[in-house]
Protein backbone atom coordinates (compact mmCIF):
# COMPACT_ATOMS: atom_id res chain seq x y z
CA MET A 1 15.38 -12.56 -16.74
CA THR A 2 18.78 -11.18 -15.77
CA GLN A 3 19.58 -13.96 -13.33
CA SER A 4 18.20 -16.58 -15.74
CA GLY A 5 20.51 -15.23 -18.43
CA MET A 6 23.49 -15.56 -16.10
CA VAL A 7 22.63 -19.20 -15.38
CA ALA A 8 21.99 -19.86 -19.09
CA GLU A 9 25.54 -18.75 -19.91
CA GLN A 10 26.95 -21.12 -17.30
CA VAL A 11 24.80 -24.01 -18.56
CA GLU A 12 25.97 -23.40 -22.13
CA ARG A 13 29.55 -23.45 -20.91
CA VAL A 14 29.30 -26.77 -19.04
CA THR A 15 26.99 -28.61 -21.47
CA GLY A 16 27.97 -27.14 -24.83
CA ARG A 17 24.26 -26.84 -25.60
CA THR A 18 22.44 -23.68 -26.63
CA VAL A 19 19.99 -22.36 -24.05
CA GLU A 20 16.86 -20.47 -25.03
CA LEU A 21 15.28 -18.19 -22.42
CA VAL A 22 11.52 -18.66 -22.09
CA GLU A 23 9.79 -15.80 -20.28
CA ILE A 24 7.02 -16.91 -17.92
CA THR A 25 4.94 -14.44 -15.94
CA THR A 26 3.82 -15.59 -12.51
CA TYR A 27 0.97 -14.30 -10.37
CA GLY A 28 3.51 -12.85 -7.97
CA ASP A 29 4.95 -10.77 -10.82
CA VAL A 30 1.68 -9.09 -11.83
CA SER A 31 -0.12 -8.74 -8.49
CA ARG A 32 0.44 -5.58 -6.47
CA GLU A 33 -1.08 -7.04 -3.31
CA ASN A 34 0.96 -7.80 -0.22
CA ILE A 35 2.75 -11.14 -0.64
CA ALA A 36 1.17 -12.62 2.48
CA GLN A 37 -2.30 -11.65 1.24
CA ILE A 38 -1.95 -13.43 -2.12
CA GLY A 39 -0.69 -16.67 -0.65
CA GLY A 40 2.97 -15.97 0.05
CA THR A 41 4.62 -19.32 -0.51
CA GLY A 42 4.92 -20.28 -4.15
CA VAL A 43 3.39 -17.23 -5.86
CA PHE A 44 6.57 -16.74 -7.94
CA VAL A 45 7.11 -20.45 -8.49
CA SER A 46 3.94 -22.33 -9.47
CA ALA A 47 3.80 -21.22 -13.11
CA LEU A 48 7.44 -22.18 -13.66
CA ARG A 49 6.93 -25.59 -12.12
CA ASP A 50 3.81 -26.18 -14.21
CA ALA A 51 5.86 -25.42 -17.34
CA LEU A 52 8.56 -27.86 -16.20
CA LEU A 53 6.10 -30.69 -15.63
CA ALA A 54 4.35 -29.97 -18.93
CA GLY A 55 7.67 -30.24 -20.78
CA ASP A 56 7.46 -26.64 -22.03
CA ILE A 57 10.87 -25.89 -20.50
CA ASP A 58 13.83 -28.10 -19.55
CA PHE A 59 14.86 -26.30 -16.39
CA ALA A 60 13.81 -23.29 -14.35
CA VAL A 61 15.81 -20.65 -12.49
CA HIS A 62 14.33 -19.46 -9.21
CA SER A 63 15.32 -17.01 -6.53
CA LEU A 64 15.79 -19.60 -3.81
CA LYS A 65 14.12 -17.47 -1.16
CA ASP A 66 10.84 -17.73 -3.13
CA LEU A 67 10.79 -21.54 -3.16
CA PRO A 68 8.47 -23.42 -0.78
CA THR A 69 10.51 -25.55 1.61
CA ALA A 70 8.72 -28.78 0.60
CA GLN A 71 10.30 -30.16 -2.57
CA PRO A 72 7.94 -32.03 -4.97
CA ASP A 73 8.99 -35.63 -5.70
CA ASP A 74 8.77 -35.08 -9.46
CA LEU A 75 11.16 -32.12 -9.45
CA VAL A 76 14.78 -31.86 -8.31
CA LEU A 77 16.96 -28.92 -7.26
CA ALA A 78 19.80 -29.88 -9.55
CA ALA A 79 22.06 -26.94 -8.69
CA ILE A 80 22.43 -24.11 -6.21
CA PRO A 81 25.27 -21.96 -7.61
CA VAL A 82 27.64 -19.81 -5.57
CA ARG A 83 25.63 -17.35 -3.51
CA GLU A 84 25.72 -13.60 -4.02
CA ASP A 85 25.83 -11.17 -1.10
CA PRO A 86 22.84 -12.20 1.06
CA ARG A 87 22.45 -8.81 2.76
CA ASP A 88 19.78 -6.18 2.28
CA VAL A 89 20.54 -2.62 1.19
CA LEU A 90 18.99 0.77 1.78
CA VAL A 91 18.33 3.04 -1.19
CA ALA A 92 17.53 6.43 0.31
CA ARG A 93 17.03 10.05 -0.68
CA ASP A 94 20.23 12.05 -1.00
CA GLY A 95 22.28 8.93 -0.24
CA LEU A 96 21.35 9.04 3.43
CA THR A 97 21.98 6.15 5.83
CA PHE A 98 19.45 4.92 8.42
CA GLU A 99 21.04 6.98 11.17
CA MET A 100 20.99 10.07 8.94
CA LEU A 101 17.31 9.47 8.13
CA ALA A 102 16.64 9.56 11.85
CA THR A 103 17.63 13.24 11.92
CA LEU A 104 14.87 14.40 9.55
CA GLY A 105 12.81 15.75 12.44
CA ARG A 106 9.96 13.35 11.62
CA PRO A 107 9.62 9.56 11.28
CA ALA A 108 11.45 8.48 8.11
CA ARG A 109 9.18 6.58 5.70
CA ILE A 110 10.89 3.33 4.65
CA GLY A 111 9.30 1.07 2.03
CA THR A 112 9.56 -2.72 1.94
CA GLY A 113 7.39 -5.61 0.85
CA ALA A 114 8.68 -8.00 3.52
CA LEU A 115 7.25 -8.47 7.00
CA ARG A 116 10.70 -9.77 7.98
CA ARG A 117 12.29 -6.42 7.14
CA MET A 118 9.53 -4.42 8.80
CA SER A 119 9.87 -6.40 11.99
CA GLN A 120 13.64 -6.07 12.26
CA LEU A 121 13.74 -2.43 11.13
CA ASN A 122 11.15 -1.43 13.70
CA ALA A 123 12.99 -3.37 16.42
CA TRP A 124 16.31 -1.75 15.47
CA ALA A 125 14.82 1.75 15.44
CA ARG A 126 13.16 1.22 18.81
CA SER A 127 16.38 -0.08 20.39
CA HIS A 128 18.25 3.00 19.15
CA GLY A 129 15.56 5.51 20.13
CA LEU A 130 14.89 6.35 16.47
CA GLN A 131 11.59 6.92 14.69
CA ILE A 132 10.74 5.29 11.37
CA GLU A 133 7.53 4.38 9.57
CA THR A 134 7.64 1.17 7.53
CA VAL A 135 5.44 1.32 4.43
CA PRO A 136 4.38 -1.85 2.52
CA ILE A 137 5.27 -1.67 -1.19
CA ARG A 138 5.40 -3.99 -4.21
CA GLY A 139 6.88 -3.76 -7.70
CA ASN A 140 10.14 -4.24 -9.55
CA VAL A 141 13.38 -2.42 -8.77
CA ASP A 142 12.51 0.62 -10.91
CA THR A 143 9.12 0.94 -9.25
CA ARG A 144 10.51 0.66 -5.74
CA ILE A 145 13.41 3.06 -6.26
CA GLY A 146 10.93 5.37 -8.00
CA TYR A 147 9.12 5.82 -4.70
CA VAL A 148 12.32 7.41 -3.39
CA THR A 149 13.23 9.55 -6.40
CA SER A 150 9.66 10.87 -6.57
CA GLY A 151 9.76 11.86 -2.91
CA LYS A 152 6.93 9.54 -1.84
CA LEU A 153 9.29 7.63 0.44
CA ASP A 154 12.54 8.50 2.18
CA GLY A 155 14.04 5.11 1.45
CA VAL A 156 13.39 1.52 0.38
CA VAL A 157 15.03 -1.73 1.44
CA LEU A 158 16.02 -4.19 -1.31
CA ALA A 159 18.15 -7.30 -1.64
CA ALA A 160 21.79 -6.55 -2.46
CA ALA A 161 21.99 -9.55 -4.80
CA GLY A 162 19.11 -8.35 -6.96
CA LEU A 163 20.60 -4.89 -7.38
CA ASN A 164 24.05 -6.29 -8.07
CA ARG A 165 22.81 -8.68 -10.77
CA ILE A 166 21.35 -5.79 -12.76
CA GLY A 167 24.40 -3.59 -12.20
CA ARG A 168 22.74 -1.07 -9.90
CA LEU A 169 24.34 -1.78 -6.53
CA ALA A 170 26.03 1.65 -6.65
CA GLU A 171 22.59 3.21 -6.10
CA ALA A 172 22.49 1.79 -2.58
CA SER A 173 23.04 4.26 0.22
CA GLU A 174 24.02 1.60 2.73
CA LEU A 175 24.70 -2.13 2.88
CA ILE A 176 22.71 -3.22 5.91
CA ASP A 177 24.66 -5.25 8.45
CA VAL A 178 23.13 -8.64 9.24
CA ASP A 179 23.13 -7.60 12.91
CA VAL A 180 20.43 -5.08 11.91
CA ILE A 181 18.47 -7.19 9.41
CA LEU A 182 18.95 -10.92 8.92
CA PRO A 183 18.08 -11.79 5.30
CA ALA A 184 15.36 -14.14 4.16
CA PRO A 185 16.31 -17.84 4.20
CA GLY A 186 18.11 -18.50 0.92
CA GLN A 187 18.42 -14.82 -0.02
CA GLY A 188 21.12 -14.14 -2.59
CA ALA A 189 21.07 -17.73 -3.87
CA LEU A 190 19.57 -19.12 -7.06
CA ALA A 191 18.03 -22.55 -7.55
CA VAL A 192 18.17 -24.46 -10.83
CA GLU A 193 15.31 -26.95 -10.96
CA CYS A 194 14.47 -29.67 -13.48
CA ALA A 195 12.23 -32.70 -13.76
CA ALA A 196 13.31 -35.74 -11.74
CA SER A 197 12.52 -37.82 -14.81
CA ASN A 198 15.53 -36.32 -16.60
CA PRO A 199 18.53 -37.53 -14.55
CA GLU A 200 20.97 -36.85 -17.40
CA LEU A 201 20.11 -33.14 -17.45
CA ALA A 202 20.11 -33.02 -13.65
CA ALA A 203 23.64 -34.44 -13.63
CA GLN A 204 24.82 -31.83 -16.14
CA LEU A 205 23.20 -28.98 -14.23
CA ALA A 206 24.79 -30.28 -11.00
CA GLU A 207 28.15 -29.02 -12.30
CA LEU A 208 26.92 -25.53 -11.34
CA ASP A 209 26.30 -26.57 -7.73
CA ASP A 210 28.31 -25.02 -4.88
CA PRO A 211 28.42 -27.38 -1.86
CA VAL A 212 29.01 -24.65 0.73
CA THR A 213 26.11 -22.55 -0.55
CA ARG A 214 23.86 -25.62 -0.66
CA ALA A 215 24.72 -26.56 2.94
CA ALA A 216 24.08 -23.01 4.17
CA VAL A 217 20.75 -22.48 2.45
CA THR A 218 19.59 -26.01 3.31
CA ALA A 219 20.11 -25.21 7.00
CA GLU A 220 18.28 -21.90 6.61
CA ARG A 221 15.34 -23.45 4.78
CA SER A 222 15.18 -26.30 7.29
CA LEU A 223 14.80 -23.70 10.03
CA LEU A 224 11.96 -22.09 8.08
CA ALA A 225 10.26 -25.44 7.52
CA ALA A 226 10.60 -26.50 11.15
CA LEU A 227 9.02 -23.21 12.22
CA GLU A 228 6.17 -24.17 9.85
CA ALA A 229 6.44 -20.76 8.25
CA GLY A 230 6.06 -19.69 4.62
CA CYS A 231 8.49 -17.58 2.63
CA SER A 232 6.54 -14.38 3.41
CA ALA A 233 6.52 -14.92 7.19
CA PRO A 234 8.66 -12.55 9.32
CA VAL A 235 11.54 -15.03 9.54
CA GLY A 236 15.15 -14.11 8.89
CA ALA A 237 17.99 -16.64 8.71
CA LEU A 238 21.62 -16.77 7.67
CA ALA A 239 24.14 -19.59 7.77
CA ASP A 240 27.79 -18.70 7.26
CA LEU A 241 31.20 -20.20 7.84
CA VAL A 242 33.02 -19.31 11.04
CA ALA A 243 36.75 -19.99 11.25
CA ASP A 244 38.06 -20.82 14.72
CA GLY A 245 41.76 -21.49 14.38
CA GLN A 246 42.12 -24.56 12.20
CA VAL A 247 38.46 -25.60 12.56
CA THR A 248 35.76 -24.17 10.32
CA GLU A 249 32.19 -24.36 11.55
CA LEU A 250 28.80 -23.31 10.22
CA ARG A 251 26.90 -20.73 12.25
CA LEU A 252 23.14 -20.49 11.73
CA ARG A 253 21.34 -17.39 12.96
CA GLY A 254 17.57 -17.00 13.00
CA VAL A 255 15.05 -14.32 13.94
CA VAL A 256 11.27 -14.10 14.19
CA GLY A 257 9.50 -10.94 15.24
CA SER A 258 6.21 -9.12 15.42
CA THR A 259 5.72 -6.67 12.55
CA ASP A 260 5.94 -3.66 14.85
CA GLY A 261 9.24 -4.91 16.25
CA THR A 262 8.07 -4.95 19.87
CA GLU A 263 8.75 -8.68 20.19
CA LEU A 264 11.76 -10.47 18.75
CA VAL A 265 13.14 -13.98 19.15
CA GLN A 266 16.70 -14.01 17.82
CA MET A 267 19.05 -16.95 18.40
CA SER A 268 22.01 -18.74 16.83
CA ILE A 269 23.64 -22.16 16.78
CA THR A 270 27.06 -23.32 15.60
CA GLY A 271 28.14 -26.77 14.50
CA PRO A 272 30.51 -28.63 12.16
CA VAL A 273 30.13 -27.82 8.48
CA PRO A 274 27.41 -30.26 7.32
CA ALA A 275 28.69 -33.11 5.19
CA SER A 276 25.23 -33.90 3.85
CA ASP A 277 21.80 -32.35 3.30
CA GLY A 278 20.61 -34.38 6.28
CA GLU A 279 23.15 -32.80 8.62
CA ALA A 280 22.30 -29.32 7.32
CA ARG A 281 18.60 -29.92 7.88
CA ALA A 282 19.28 -31.20 11.39
CA LEU A 283 21.07 -27.94 12.26
CA GLY A 284 18.05 -25.95 11.11
CA ARG A 285 15.62 -28.12 13.06
CA GLU A 286 17.71 -27.80 16.22
CA LEU A 287 17.70 -24.00 16.09
CA ALA A 288 13.97 -23.95 15.26
CA ALA A 289 13.23 -26.05 18.34
CA GLU A 290 15.12 -23.59 20.53
CA MET A 291 13.32 -20.60 18.96
CA LEU A 292 9.91 -22.24 19.34
CA ALA A 293 10.69 -22.87 22.99
CA LYS A 294 11.29 -19.12 23.34
CA GLY A 295 7.88 -18.24 21.84
CA ALA A 296 8.63 -17.89 18.12
CA ALA A 297 5.38 -19.59 17.07
CA GLY A 298 3.22 -16.73 18.29
CA LEU A 299 5.11 -14.16 16.19
CA MET A 300 4.60 -15.61 12.71
CA GLY A 301 1.85 -14.21 10.55
CA GLU A 302 1.72 -16.90 7.87
CA ARG A 303 1.57 -20.57 8.78
CA THR A 304 1.57 -23.48 6.37
CA PRO A 305 -1.25 -26.07 6.71
């Protein structure tokens, strides 16, 4: 609701039209099961898309990382606004960092709902000779942070963008470097979707689009699609601009790992900043091919049909 309200204000500003927020509860919102167990891809999206196609709403606001990579022909991603910080954060007891948690004298219990985070956290801890126990959790921000304040967990890992949008980023103990945990493809970005049958609205919404963000997340999602993985698979990806003198390039990093962190395929590729969605998708496919050649396919828990 918070991120939808932010987009609504921008839409009102560019269209001059009043926007009414319509609250829709998805299965992913109410279920407390592990994301991979309840279907992963699309569990936060289907109800919103059904409302769009039924004409109950004019446009929907999604967390881009929750969107399936295959775009329906009757819907269009009209805008991908400027991306927030894509990193993850640690919210821990007593404001401790990961390295501080490693001095507890026992394995620190870290909660997360993402196989991607579990995989990379376990790999990082193993490479540094540290002991942690990753614990699967679900729930909203209050519920997850509550596990820490109640003493049930030593820390939880959340998306920086989500905390920042609700004004609670100060509660984070540590912003996690992307060298430790690569975010989910599209993390930190929003997607504004409308019916393809309404090109006038799509054109208005397109004023919110940020070309650099769109190119980056398109490359990330292309990697995910080429790996034939769903949004709950243990895949991390991040595309960002790299300045080399006068030339700016786009670097795409990707990682796939076993949940226990014992096996990890982590690679990167750099190319010219894509001038089109096609070029961005090609970058993602190229990196996916290299990762698959290194054994990435055997490390993914969820595969799309």
